[in-house]
Amino acid sequence: MKRKIIFYRTTEGRCPVEEFFDSISSKELQKVTWVLRIVEDLDMVPRQYFKKLTDTDEIWECRIDIGRIGYRILCFMDSGNLVILTNGFGKRGQKTPRDEISRAEKYRDDYLKRRKI
């Protein structure tokens, strides 16, 4: 089952993932795009690229490692094959920052609330 990736937008029209893309180099963006294509195309995506975060409200992370830097794009699933990307960041430590997870959960709640309208 092919997945479709879309970007979350706030009610004001901001797109946090696009803002993240604008903050990284074109070479880094190439690798990010390559990983997102894997998430879209493969039925079984290896955990090194796509993994559900524990102790979250159905938040997943796309994992992109470039050298020593780990980039993460948080997302959630909708309607089985729709992946909504919420926010991205460069990861410094082992754990995904709680404030980034909270932001993704807030965006997820907003998306689901507005979707029902």
PDB file of N, CA and C in Angstrom:
ATOM      1  N   MET A   1       0.844  -1.176   0.000  1.00  0.00           N
ATOM      2  CA  MET A   1       0.000   0.000   0.000  1.00  0.00           C
ATOM      3  C   MET A   1       0.895   1.247   0.000  1.00  0.00           C
ATOM      4  N   LYS A   2       0.792   2.009  -1.038  1.00  0.00           N
ATOM      5  CA  LYS A   2       1.591   3.230  -1.154  1.00  0.00           C
ATOM      6  C   LYS A   2       1.036   4.292  -0.200  1.00  0.00           C
ATOM      7  N   ARG A   3       1.949   4.955   0.509  1.00  0.00           N
ATOM      8  CA  ARG A   3       1.555   6.042   1.394  1.00  0.00           C
ATOM      9  C   ARG A   3       1.613   7.363   0.638  1.00  0.00           C
ATOM     10  N   LYS A   4       0.837   8.317   1.119  1.00  0.00           N
ATOM     11  CA  LYS A   4       0.885   9.673   0.569  1.00  0.00           C
ATOM     12  C   LYS A   4       1.292  10.607   1.698  1.00  0.00           C
ATOM     13  N   ILE A   5       2.283  11.450   1.428  1.00  0.00           N
ATOM     14  CA  ILE A   5       2.777  12.394   2.423  1.00  0.00           C
ATOM     15  C   ILE A   5       2.213  13.779   2.124  1.00  0.00           C
ATOM     16  N   ILE A   6       1.676  14.408   3.174  1.00  0.00           N
ATOM     17  CA  ILE A   6       1.262  15.808   3.060  1.00  0.00           C
ATOM     18  C   ILE A   6       1.859  16.584   4.234  1.00  0.00           C
ATOM     19  N   PHE A   7       1.902  17.887   4.102  1.00  0.00           N
ATOM     20  CA  PHE A   7       2.465  18.755   5.140  1.00  0.00           C
ATOM     21  C   PHE A   7       1.330  19.399   5.927  1.00  0.00           C
ATOM     22  N   TYR A   8       1.446  19.363   7.236  1.00  0.00           N
ATOM     23  CA  TYR A   8       0.498  20.055   8.104  1.00  0.00           C
ATOM     24  C   TYR A   8       0.660  21.562   7.927  1.00  0.00           C
ATOM     25  N   ARG A   9      -0.465  22.270   7.909  1.00  0.00           N
ATOM     26  CA  ARG A   9      -0.473  23.739   7.897  1.00  0.00           C
ATOM     27  C   ARG A   9      -1.317  24.240   9.059  1.00  0.00           C
ATOM     28  N   THR A  10      -0.825  25.287   9.710  1.00  0.00           N
ATOM     29  CA  THR A  10      -1.576  25.899  10.804  1.00  0.00           C
ATOM     30  C   THR A  10      -2.778  26.644  10.228  1.00  0.00           C
ATOM     31  N   THR A  11      -3.676  27.100  11.100  1.00  0.00           N
ATOM     32  CA  THR A  11      -4.831  27.868  10.630  1.00  0.00           C
ATOM     33  C   THR A  11      -4.392  29.166   9.963  1.00  0.00           C
ATOM     34  N   GLU A  12      -3.194  29.673  10.331  1.00  0.00           N
ATOM     35  CA  GLU A  12      -2.668  30.889   9.714  1.00  0.00           C
ATOM     36  C   GLU A  12      -1.959  30.600   8.384  1.00  0.00           C
ATOM     37  N   GLY A  13      -1.845  29.341   8.012  1.00  0.00           N
ATOM     38  CA  GLY A  13      -1.205  28.976   6.757  1.00  0.00           C
ATOM     39  C   GLY A  13       0.285  28.669   6.860  1.00  0.00           C
ATOM     40  N   ARG A  14       0.854  28.730   8.068  1.00  0.00           N
ATOM     41  CA  ARG A  14       2.274  28.386   8.256  1.00  0.00           C
ATOM     42  C   ARG A  14       2.463  26.882   8.044  1.00  0.00           C
ATOM     43  N   CYS A  15       3.627  26.527   7.539  1.00  0.00           N
ATOM     44  CA  CYS A  15       3.957  25.117   7.354  1.00  0.00           C
ATOM     45  C   CYS A  15       5.303  24.854   8.038  1.00  0.00           C
ATOM     46  N   PRO A  16       5.275  24.312   9.272  1.00  0.00           N
ATOM     47  CA  PRO A  16       6.523  24.096  10.006  1.00  0.00           C
ATOM     48  C   PRO A  16       7.534  23.209   9.269  1.00  0.00           C
ATOM     49  N   VAL A  17       7.074  22.242   8.504  1.00  0.00           N
ATOM     50  CA  VAL A  17       8.013  21.366   7.796  1.00  0.00           C
ATOM     51  C   VAL A  17       8.713  22.127   6.670  1.00  0.00           C
ATOM     52  N   GLU A  18       7.978  22.964   5.956  1.00  0.00           N
ATOM     53  CA  GLU A  18       8.618  23.782   4.924  1.00  0.00           C
ATOM     54  C   GLU A  18       9.646  24.728   5.550  1.00  0.00           C
ATOM     55  N   GLU A  19       9.322  25.274   6.724  1.00  0.00           N
ATOM     56  CA  GLU A  19      10.263  26.152   7.427  1.00  0.00           C
ATOM     57  C   GLU A  19      11.532  25.375   7.805  1.00  0.00           C
ATOM     58  N   PHE A  20      11.359  24.132   8.232  1.00  0.00           N
ATOM     59  CA  PHE A  20      12.510  23.281   8.534  1.00  0.00           C
ATOM     60  C   PHE A  20      13.333  23.042   7.263  1.00  0.00           C
ATOM     61  N   PHE A  21      12.670  22.717   6.153  1.00  0.00           N
ATOM     62  CA  PHE A  21      13.375  22.487   4.889  1.00  0.00           C
ATOM     63  C   PHE A  21      14.188  23.720   4.493  1.00  0.00           C
ATOM     64  N   ASP A  22      13.626  24.901   4.711  1.00  0.00           N
ATOM     65  CA  ASP A  22      14.324  26.142   4.367  1.00  0.00           C
ATOM     66  C   ASP A  22      15.567  26.364   5.230  1.00  0.00           C
ATOM     67  N   SER A  23      15.639  25.703   6.386  1.00  0.00           N
ATOM     68  CA  SER A  23      16.751  25.926   7.316  1.00  0.00           C
ATOM     69  C   SER A  23      17.937  24.987   7.089  1.00  0.00           C
ATOM     70  N   ILE A  24      17.785  24.002   6.187  1.00  0.00           N
ATOM     71  CA  ILE A  24      18.873  23.054   5.956  1.00  0.00           C
ATOM     72  C   ILE A  24      19.440  23.254   4.555  1.00  0.00           C
ATOM     73  N   SER A  25      20.628  22.693   4.331  1.00  0.00           N
ATOM     74  CA  SER A  25      21.288  22.858   3.027  1.00  0.00           C
ATOM     75  C   SER A  25      20.588  22.024   1.950  1.00  0.00           C
ATOM     76  N   SER A  26      20.862  22.340   0.704  1.00  0.00           N
ATOM     77  CA  SER A  26      20.242  21.590  -0.391  1.00  0.00           C
ATOM     78  C   SER A  26      20.704  20.133  -0.388  1.00  0.00           C
ATOM     79  N   LYS A  27      21.945  19.884   0.023  1.00  0.00           N
ATOM     80  CA  LYS A  27      22.443  18.506   0.096  1.00  0.00           C
ATOM     81  C   LYS A  27      21.701  17.726   1.191  1.00  0.00           C
ATOM     82  N   GLU A  28      21.475  18.376   2.332  1.00  0.00           N
ATOM     83  CA  GLU A  28      20.708  17.731   3.410  1.00  0.00           C
ATOM     84  C   GLU A  28      19.265  17.496   2.964  1.00  0.00           C
ATOM     85  N   LEU A  29      18.707  18.454   2.258  1.00  0.00           N
ATOM     86  CA  LEU A  29      17.339  18.318   1.773  1.00  0.00           C
ATOM     87  C   LEU A  29      17.209  17.160   0.793  1.00  0.00           C
ATOM     88  N   GLN A  30      18.251  16.919  -0.003  1.00  0.00           N
ATOM     89  CA  GLN A  30      18.241  15.768  -0.919  1.00  0.00           C
ATOM     90  C   GLN A  30      18.091  14.463  -0.148  1.00  0.00           C
ATOM     91  N   LYS A  31      18.838  14.322   0.937  1.00  0.00           N
ATOM     92  CA  LYS A  31      18.763  13.093   1.744  1.00  0.00           C
ATOM     93  C   LYS A  31      17.396  12.987   2.415  1.00  0.00           C
ATOM     94  N   VAL A  32      16.879  14.097   2.924  1.00  0.00           N
ATOM     95  CA  VAL A  32      15.547  14.100   3.544  1.00  0.00           C
ATOM     96  C   VAL A  32      14.507  13.633   2.529  1.00  0.00           C
ATOM     97  N   THR A  33      14.569  14.177   1.326  1.00  0.00           N
ATOM     98  CA  THR A  33      13.623  13.812   0.272  1.00  0.00           C
ATOM     99  C   THR A  33      13.735  12.331  -0.079  1.00  0.00           C
ATOM    100  N   TRP A  34      14.950  11.815  -0.097  1.00  0.00           N
ATOM    101  CA  TRP A  34      15.183  10.399  -0.390  1.00  0.00           C
ATOM    102  C   TRP A  34      14.501   9.522   0.669  1.00  0.00           C
ATOM    103  N   VAL A  35      14.656   9.872   1.940  1.00  0.00           N
ATOM    104  CA  VAL A  35      14.022   9.093   3.021  1.00  0.00           C
ATOM    105  C   VAL A  35      12.496   9.200   2.934  1.00  0.00           C
ATOM    106  N   LEU A  36      11.983  10.372   2.650  1.00  0.00           N
ATOM    107  CA  LEU A  36      10.530  10.523   2.534  1.00  0.00           C
ATOM    108  C   LEU A  36       9.980   9.687   1.383  1.00  0.00           C
ATOM    109  N   ARG A  37      10.751   9.562   0.320  1.00  0.00           N
ATOM    110  CA  ARG A  37      10.331   8.701  -0.802  1.00  0.00           C
ATOM    111  C   ARG A  37      10.259   7.234  -0.354  1.00  0.00           C
ATOM    112  N   ILE A  38      11.202   6.810   0.474  1.00  0.00           N
ATOM    113  CA  ILE A  38      11.171   5.443   1.016  1.00  0.00           C
ATOM    114  C   ILE A  38       9.898   5.239   1.836  1.00  0.00           C
ATOM    115  N   VAL A  39       9.584   6.215   2.670  1.00  0.00           N
ATOM    116  CA  VAL A  39       8.377   6.123   3.509  1.00  0.00           C
ATOM    117  C   VAL A  39       7.135   6.024   2.632  1.00  0.00           C
ATOM    118  N   GLU A  40       7.113   6.768   1.538  1.00  0.00           N
ATOM    119  CA  GLU A  40       5.957   6.712   0.636  1.00  0.00           C
ATOM    120  C   GLU A  40       5.866   5.385  -0.109  1.00  0.00           C
ATOM    121  N   ASP A  41       6.992   4.862  -0.559  1.00  0.00           N
ATOM    122  CA  ASP A  41       6.972   3.772  -1.529  1.00  0.00           C
ATOM    123  C   ASP A  41       7.038   2.362  -0.958  1.00  0.00           C
ATOM    124  N   LEU A  42       7.722   2.161   0.164  1.00  0.00           N
ATOM    125  CA  LEU A  42       7.900   0.803   0.677  1.00  0.00           C
ATOM    126  C   LEU A  42       6.762   0.388   1.600  1.00  0.00           C
ATOM    127  N   ASP A  43       6.280  -0.842   1.424  1.00  0.00           N
ATOM    128  CA  ASP A  43       5.252  -1.364   2.331  1.00  0.00           C
ATOM    129  C   ASP A  43       5.789  -1.480   3.751  1.00  0.00           C
ATOM    130  N   MET A  44       6.980  -2.034   3.868  1.00  0.00           N
ATOM    131  CA  MET A  44       7.626  -2.198   5.176  1.00  0.00           C
ATOM    132  C   MET A  44       8.865  -1.313   5.208  1.00  0.00           C
ATOM    133  N   VAL A  45       8.727  -0.156   5.857  1.00  0.00           N
ATOM    134  CA  VAL A  45       9.846   0.791   5.919  1.00  0.00           C
ATOM    135  C   VAL A  45      10.771   0.376   7.060  1.00  0.00           C
ATOM    136  N   PRO A  46      12.072   0.253   6.806  1.00  0.00           N
ATOM    137  CA  PRO A  46      13.002  -0.106   7.884  1.00  0.00           C
ATOM    138  C   PRO A  46      12.934   0.909   9.037  1.00  0.00           C
ATOM    139  N   ARG A  47      13.059   0.396  10.263  1.00  0.00           N
ATOM    140  CA  ARG A  47      12.977   1.243  11.455  1.00  0.00           C
ATOM    141  C   ARG A  47      14.053   2.326  11.471  1.00  0.00           C
ATOM    142  N   GLN A  48      15.124   2.115  10.765  1.00  0.00           N
ATOM    143  CA  GLN A  48      16.162   3.149  10.753  1.00  0.00           C
ATOM    144  C   GLN A  48      15.662   4.426  10.066  1.00  0.00           C
ATOM    145  N   TYR A  49      14.561   4.323   9.296  1.00  0.00           N
ATOM    146  CA  TYR A  49      14.011   5.484   8.594  1.00  0.00           C
ATOM    147  C   TYR A  49      12.649   5.951   9.108  1.00  0.00           C
ATOM    148  N   PHE A  50      11.893   5.063   9.732  1.00  0.00           N
ATOM    149  CA  PHE A  50      10.514   5.389  10.107  1.00  0.00           C
ATOM    150  C   PHE A  50      10.124   4.563  11.313  1.00  0.00           C
ATOM    151  N   LYS A  51       9.769   5.243  12.401  1.00  0.00           N
ATOM    152  CA  LYS A  51       9.538   4.515  13.643  1.00  0.00           C
ATOM    153  C   LYS A  51       8.482   5.231  14.481  1.00  0.00           C
ATOM    154  N   LYS A  52       7.594   4.436  15.096  1.00  0.00           N
ATOM    155  CA  LYS A  52       6.599   5.010  16.011  1.00  0.00           C
ATOM    156  C   LYS A  52       7.295   5.316  17.331  1.00  0.00           C
ATOM    157  N   LEU A  53       7.030   6.522  17.856  1.00  0.00           N
ATOM    158  CA  LEU A  53       7.615   6.908  19.135  1.00  0.00           C
ATOM    159  C   LEU A  53       6.761   6.362  20.277  1.00  0.00           C
ATOM    160  N   THR A  54       7.423   5.797  21.273  1.00  0.00           N
ATOM    161  CA  THR A  54       6.688   5.270  22.431  1.00  0.00           C
ATOM    162  C   THR A  54       6.251   6.426  23.323  1.00  0.00           C
ATOM    163  N   ASP A  55       5.221   6.188  24.101  1.00  0.00           N
ATOM    164  CA  ASP A  55       4.687   7.188  25.036  1.00  0.00           C
ATOM    165  C   ASP A  55       4.276   8.482  24.349  1.00  0.00           C
ATOM    166  N   THR A  56       3.706   8.357  23.153  1.00  0.00           N
ATOM    167  CA  THR A  56       3.195   9.532  22.442  1.00  0.00           C
ATOM    168  C   THR A  56       1.781   9.240  21.973  1.00  0.00           C
ATOM    169  N   ASP A  57       1.128  10.275  21.502  1.00  0.00           N
ATOM    170  CA  ASP A  57      -0.222  10.146  20.976  1.00  0.00           C
ATOM    171  C   ASP A  57      -0.146   9.852  19.471  1.00  0.00           C
ATOM    172  N   GLU A  58       0.309   8.624  19.150  1.00  0.00           N
ATOM    173  CA  GLU A  58       0.409   8.157  17.756  1.00  0.00           C
ATOM    174  C   GLU A  58       1.345   8.996  16.892  1.00  0.00           C
ATOM    175  N   ILE A  59       2.459   9.427  17.474  1.00  0.00           N
ATOM    176  CA  ILE A  59       3.442  10.207  16.721  1.00  0.00           C
ATOM    177  C   ILE A  59       4.539   9.270  16.208  1.00  0.00           C
ATOM    178  N   TRP A  60       4.897   9.454  14.960  1.00  0.00           N
ATOM    179  CA  TRP A  60       5.964   8.709  14.305  1.00  0.00           C
ATOM    180  C   TRP A  60       7.094   9.674  13.986  1.00  0.00           C
ATOM    181  N   GLU A  61       8.277   9.131  13.719  1.00  0.00           N
ATOM    182  CA  GLU A  61       9.365   9.988  13.272  1.00  0.00           C
ATOM    183  C   GLU A  61      10.011   9.413  12.034  1.00  0.00           C
ATOM    184  N   CYS A  62      10.257  10.306  11.064  1.00  0.00           N
ATOM    185  CA  CYS A  62      11.087   9.985   9.911  1.00  0.00           C
ATOM    186  C   CYS A  62      12.503  10.314  10.355  1.00  0.00           C
ATOM    187  N   ARG A  63      13.395   9.360  10.161  1.00  0.00           N
ATOM    188  CA  ARG A  63      14.754   9.482  10.687  1.00  0.00           C
ATOM    189  C   ARG A  63      15.748   9.635   9.546  1.00  0.00           C
ATOM    190  N   ILE A  64      16.462  10.756   9.576  1.00  0.00           N
ATOM    191  CA  ILE A  64      17.445  11.037   8.542  1.00  0.00           C
ATOM    192  C   ILE A  64      18.775  11.326   9.236  1.00  0.00           C
ATOM    193  N   ASP A  65      19.757  10.488   9.004  1.00  0.00           N
ATOM    194  CA  ASP A  65      21.066  10.689   9.615  1.00  0.00           C
ATOM    195  C   ASP A  65      22.057  11.095   8.534  1.00  0.00           C
ATOM    196  N   ILE A  66      22.687  12.243   8.769  1.00  0.00           N
ATOM    197  CA  ILE A  66      23.676  12.762   7.828  1.00  0.00           C
ATOM    198  C   ILE A  66      24.929  13.038   8.645  1.00  0.00           C
ATOM    199  N   GLY A  67      25.921  12.177   8.456  1.00  0.00           N
ATOM    200  CA  GLY A  67      27.124  12.308   9.273  1.00  0.00           C
ATOM    201  C   GLY A  67      26.773  12.114  10.737  1.00  0.00           C
ATOM    202  N   ARG A  68      27.146  13.065  11.558  1.00  0.00           N
ATOM    203  CA  ARG A  68      26.848  12.966  12.996  1.00  0.00           C
ATOM    204  C   ARG A  68      25.536  13.628  13.389  1.00  0.00           C
ATOM    205  N   ILE A  69      24.881  14.242  12.425  1.00  0.00           N
ATOM    206  CA  ILE A  69      23.634  14.945  12.728  1.00  0.00           C
ATOM    207  C   ILE A  69      22.448  14.049  12.409  1.00  0.00           C
ATOM    208  N   GLY A  70      21.534  13.976  13.360  1.00  0.00           N
ATOM    209  CA  GLY A  70      20.292  13.249  13.142  1.00  0.00           C
ATOM    210  C   GLY A  70      19.166  14.246  12.936  1.00  0.00           C
ATOM    211  N   TYR A  71      18.565  14.227  11.764  1.00  0.00           N
ATOM    212  CA  TYR A  71      17.396  15.066  11.524  1.00  0.00           C
ATOM    213  C   TYR A  71      16.166  14.207  11.729  1.00  0.00           C
ATOM    214  N   ARG A  72      15.142  14.815  12.292  1.00  0.00           N
ATOM    215  CA  ARG A  72      13.902  14.108  12.524  1.00  0.00           C
ATOM    216  C   ARG A  72      12.747  14.952  12.014  1.00  0.00           C
ATOM    217  N   ILE A  73      11.800  14.283  11.381  1.00  0.00           N
ATOM    218  CA  ILE A  73      10.551  14.918  10.988  1.00  0.00           C
ATOM    219  C   ILE A  73       9.447  14.108  11.662  1.00  0.00           C
ATOM    220  N   LEU A  74       8.704  14.767  12.517  1.00  0.00           N
ATOM    221  CA  LEU A  74       7.632  14.087  13.230  1.00  0.00           C
ATOM    222  C   LEU A  74       6.369  14.121  12.381  1.00  0.00           C
ATOM    223  N   CYS A  75       5.538  13.099  12.576  1.00  0.00           N
ATOM    224  CA  CYS A  75       4.345  12.966  11.751  1.00  0.00           C
ATOM    225  C   CYS A  75       3.332  12.063  12.446  1.00  0.00           C
ATOM    226  N   PHE A  76       2.176  11.933  11.822  1.00  0.00           N
ATOM    227  CA  PHE A  76       1.158  10.994  12.284  1.00  0.00           C
ATOM    228  C   PHE A  76       0.431  10.455  11.059  1.00  0.00           C
ATOM    229  N   MET A  77      -0.322   9.401  11.282  1.00  0.00           N
ATOM    230  CA  MET A  77      -1.026   8.741  10.185  1.00  0.00           C
ATOM    231  C   MET A  77      -2.503   9.151  10.211  1.00  0.00           C
ATOM    232  N   ASP A  78      -3.097   9.203   9.032  1.00  0.00           N
ATOM    233  CA  ASP A  78      -4.523   9.474   8.909  1.00  0.00           C
ATOM    234  C   ASP A  78      -5.069   8.580   7.804  1.00  0.00           C
ATOM    235  N   SER A  79      -6.201   7.969   8.056  1.00  0.00           N
ATOM    236  CA  SER A  79      -6.875   7.132   7.058  1.00  0.00           C
ATOM    237  C   SER A  79      -5.975   6.032   6.504  1.00  0.00           C
ATOM    238  N   GLY A  80      -5.142   5.466   7.342  1.00  0.00           N
ATOM    239  CA  GLY A  80      -4.329   4.320   6.954  1.00  0.00           C
ATOM    240  C   GLY A  80      -3.084   4.620   6.150  1.00  0.00           C
ATOM    241  N   ASN A  81      -3.216   5.322   5.026  1.00  0.00           N
ATOM    242  CA  ASN A  81      -2.042   5.503   4.161  1.00  0.00           C
ATOM    243  C   ASN A  81      -1.618   6.959   4.000  1.00  0.00           C
ATOM    244  N   LEU A  82      -2.225   7.871   4.752  1.00  0.00           N
ATOM    245  CA  LEU A  82      -1.869   9.283   4.672  1.00  0.00           C
ATOM    246  C   LEU A  82      -0.925   9.619   5.818  1.00  0.00           C
ATOM    247  N   VAL A  83       0.238  10.182   5.486  1.00  0.00           N
ATOM    248  CA  VAL A  83       1.232  10.574   6.484  1.00  0.00           C
ATOM    249  C   VAL A  83       1.277  12.097   6.510  1.00  0.00           C
ATOM    250  N   ILE A  84       0.963  12.674   7.675  1.00  0.00           N
ATOM    251  CA  ILE A  84       0.970  14.121   7.803  1.00  0.00           C
ATOM    252  C   ILE A  84       2.225  14.537   8.553  1.00  0.00           C
ATOM    253  N   LEU A  85       3.134  15.238   7.859  1.00  0.00           N
ATOM    254  CA  LEU A  85       4.370  15.706   8.475  1.00  0.00           C
ATOM    255  C   LEU A  85       4.072  16.981   9.252  1.00  0.00           C
ATOM    256  N   THR A  86       4.518  17.026  10.523  1.00  0.00           N
ATOM    257  CA  THR A  86       4.165  18.158  11.375  1.00  0.00           C
ATOM    258  C   THR A  86       5.323  19.123  11.600  1.00  0.00           C
ATOM    259  N   ASN A  87       6.483  18.638  11.999  1.00  0.00           N
ATOM    260  CA  ASN A  87       7.609  19.513  12.323  1.00  0.00           C
ATOM    261  C   ASN A  87       8.914  18.743  12.193  1.00  0.00           C
ATOM    262  N   GLY A  88       9.980  19.477  11.911  1.00  0.00           N
ATOM    263  CA  GLY A  88      11.294  18.865  11.752  1.00  0.00           C
ATOM    264  C   GLY A  88      12.331  19.620  12.559  1.00  0.00           C
ATOM    265  N   PHE A  89      13.425  18.922  12.869  1.00  0.00           N
ATOM    266  CA  PHE A  89      14.480  19.522  13.685  1.00  0.00           C
ATOM    267  C   PHE A  89      15.739  18.678  13.587  1.00  0.00           C
ATOM    268  N   GLY A  90      16.861  19.290  13.950  1.00  0.00           N
ATOM    269  CA  GLY A  90      18.117  18.577  14.085  1.00  0.00           C
ATOM    270  C   GLY A  90      18.208  18.037  15.504  1.00  0.00           C
ATOM    271  N   LYS A  91      18.590  16.792  15.618  1.00  0.00           N
ATOM    272  CA  LYS A  91      18.603  16.125  16.921  1.00  0.00           C
ATOM    273  C   LYS A  91      20.035  16.034  17.424  1.00  0.00           C
ATOM    274  N   ARG A  92      20.242  16.470  18.642  1.00  0.00           N
ATOM    275  CA  ARG A  92      21.588  16.489  19.214  1.00  0.00           C
ATOM    276  C   ARG A  92      21.858  15.280  20.113  1.00  0.00           C
ATOM    277  N   GLY A  93      20.909  14.897  20.933  1.00  0.00           N
ATOM    278  CA  GLY A  93      21.113  13.796  21.872  1.00  0.00           C
ATOM    279  C   GLY A  93      20.422  12.529  21.417  1.00  0.00           C
ATOM    280  N   GLN A  94      20.357  11.570  22.323  1.00  0.00           N
ATOM    281  CA  GLN A  94      19.739  10.281  22.013  1.00  0.00           C
ATOM    282  C   GLN A  94      18.214  10.383  21.947  1.00  0.00           C
ATOM    283  N   LYS A  95      17.638  11.142  22.884  1.00  0.00           N
ATOM    284  CA  LYS A  95      16.183  11.204  22.979  1.00  0.00           C
ATOM    285  C   LYS A  95      15.612  12.316  22.115  1.00  0.00           C
ATOM    286  N   THR A  96      14.432  12.059  21.574  1.00  0.00           N
ATOM    287  CA  THR A  96      13.711  13.086  20.847  1.00  0.00           C
ATOM    288  C   THR A  96      13.193  14.098  21.867  1.00  0.00           C
ATOM    289  N   PRO A  97      13.458  15.387  21.661  1.00  0.00           N
ATOM    290  CA  PRO A  97      13.042  16.396  22.644  1.00  0.00           C
ATOM    291  C   PRO A  97      11.530  16.385  22.883  1.00  0.00           C
ATOM    292  N   ARG A  98      11.150  16.416  24.146  1.00  0.00           N
ATOM    293  CA  ARG A  98       9.737  16.360  24.525  1.00  0.00           C
ATOM    294  C   ARG A  98       8.954  17.538  23.931  1.00  0.00           C
ATOM    295  N   ASP A  99       9.572  18.722  23.864  1.00  0.00           N
ATOM    296  CA  ASP A  99       8.837  19.870  23.322  1.00  0.00           C
ATOM    297  C   ASP A  99       8.515  19.681  21.838  1.00  0.00           C
ATOM    298  N   GLU A 100       9.381  18.986  21.109  1.00  0.00           N
ATOM    299  CA  GLU A 100       9.094  18.702  19.696  1.00  0.00           C
ATOM    300  C   GLU A 100       7.943  17.703  19.570  1.00  0.00           C
ATOM    301  N   ILE A 101       7.926  16.698  20.458  1.00  0.00           N
ATOM    302  CA  ILE A 101       6.824  15.723  20.457  1.00  0.00           C
ATOM    303  C   ILE A 101       5.516  16.422  20.810  1.00  0.00           C
ATOM    304  N   SER A 102       5.549  17.278  21.833  1.00  0.00           N
ATOM    305  CA  SER A 102       4.342  18.017  22.237  1.00  0.00           C
ATOM    306  C   SER A 102       3.818  18.881  21.090  1.00  0.00           C
ATOM    307  N   ARG A 103       4.732  19.510  20.369  1.00  0.00           N
ATOM    308  CA  ARG A 103       4.338  20.328  19.219  1.00  0.00           C
ATOM    309  C   ARG A 103       3.635  19.451  18.175  1.00  0.00           C
ATOM    310  N   ALA A 104       4.204  18.281  17.884  1.00  0.00           N
ATOM    311  CA  ALA A 104       3.591  17.371  16.903  1.00  0.00           C
ATOM    312  C   ALA A 104       2.210  16.916  17.371  1.00  0.00           C
ATOM    313  N   GLU A 105       2.072  16.621  18.665  1.00  0.00           N
ATOM    314  CA  GLU A 105       0.770  16.199  19.193  1.00  0.00           C
ATOM    315  C   GLU A 105      -0.255  17.333  19.103  1.00  0.00           C
ATOM    316  N   LYS A 106       0.183  18.550  19.367  1.00  0.00           N
ATOM    317  CA  LYS A 106      -0.704  19.715  19.262  1.00  0.00           C
ATOM    318  C   LYS A 106      -1.150  19.894  17.810  1.00  0.00           C
ATOM    319  N   TYR A 107      -0.220  19.776  16.877  1.00  0.00           N
ATOM    320  CA  TYR A 107      -0.569  19.895  15.463  1.00  0.00           C
ATOM    321  C   TYR A 107      -1.511  18.767  15.038  1.00  0.00           C
ATOM    322  N   ARG A 108      -1.278  17.576  15.540  1.00  0.00           N
ATOM    323  CA  ARG A 108      -2.158  16.438  15.222  1.00  0.00           C
ATOM    324  C   ARG A 108      -3.577  16.715  15.700  1.00  0.00           C
ATOM    325  N   ASP A 109      -3.716  17.173  16.947  1.00  0.00           N
ATOM    326  CA  ASP A 109      -5.042  17.480  17.496  1.00  0.00           C
ATOM    327  C   ASP A 109      -5.741  18.547  16.652  1.00  0.00           C
ATOM    328  N   ASP A 110      -4.995  19.586  16.273  1.00  0.00           N
ATOM    329  CA  ASP A 110      -5.556  20.662  15.460  1.00  0.00           C
ATOM    330  C   ASP A 110      -6.005  20.127  14.102  1.00  0.00           C
ATOM    331  N   TYR A 111      -5.171  19.330  13.476  1.00  0.00           N
ATOM    332  CA  TYR A 111      -5.499  18.750  12.164  1.00  0.00           C
ATOM    333  C   TYR A 111      -6.776  17.917  12.256  1.00  0.00           C
ATOM    334  N   LEU A 112      -6.849  17.038  13.251  1.00  0.00           N
ATOM    335  CA  LEU A 112      -8.008  16.147  13.373  1.00  0.00           C
ATOM    336  C   LEU A 112      -9.285  16.941  13.673  1.00  0.00           C
ATOM    337  N   LYS A 113      -9.170  17.978  14.473  1.00  0.00           N
ATOM    338  CA  LYS A 113     -10.318  18.812  14.800  1.00  0.00           C
ATOM    339  C   LYS A 113     -10.817  19.530  13.548  1.00  0.00           C
ATOM    340  N   ARG A 114      -9.910  20.090  12.779  1.00  0.00           N
ATOM    341  CA  ARG A 114     -10.315  20.827  11.569  1.00  0.00           C
ATOM    342  C   ARG A 114     -10.769  19.893  10.444  1.00  0.00           C
ATOM    343  N   ARG A 115     -10.251  18.688  10.426  1.00  0.00           N
ATOM    344  CA  ARG A 115     -10.613  17.730   9.372  1.00  0.00           C
ATOM    345  C   ARG A 115     -12.100  17.378   9.433  1.00  0.00           C
ATOM    346  N   LYS A 116     -12.668  17.358  10.626  1.00  0.00           N
ATOM    347  CA  LYS A 116     -14.066  16.935  10.795  1.00  0.00           C
ATOM    348  C   LYS A 116     -15.063  17.989  10.344  1.00  0.00           C
ATOM    349  N   ILE A 117     -14.568  19.190  10.075  1.00  0.00           N
ATOM    350  CA  ILE A 117     -15.485  20.276   9.677  1.00  0.00           C
ATOM    351  C   ILE A 117     -15.995  20.043   8.272  1.00  0.00           C
TER     352      ILE A 117
END
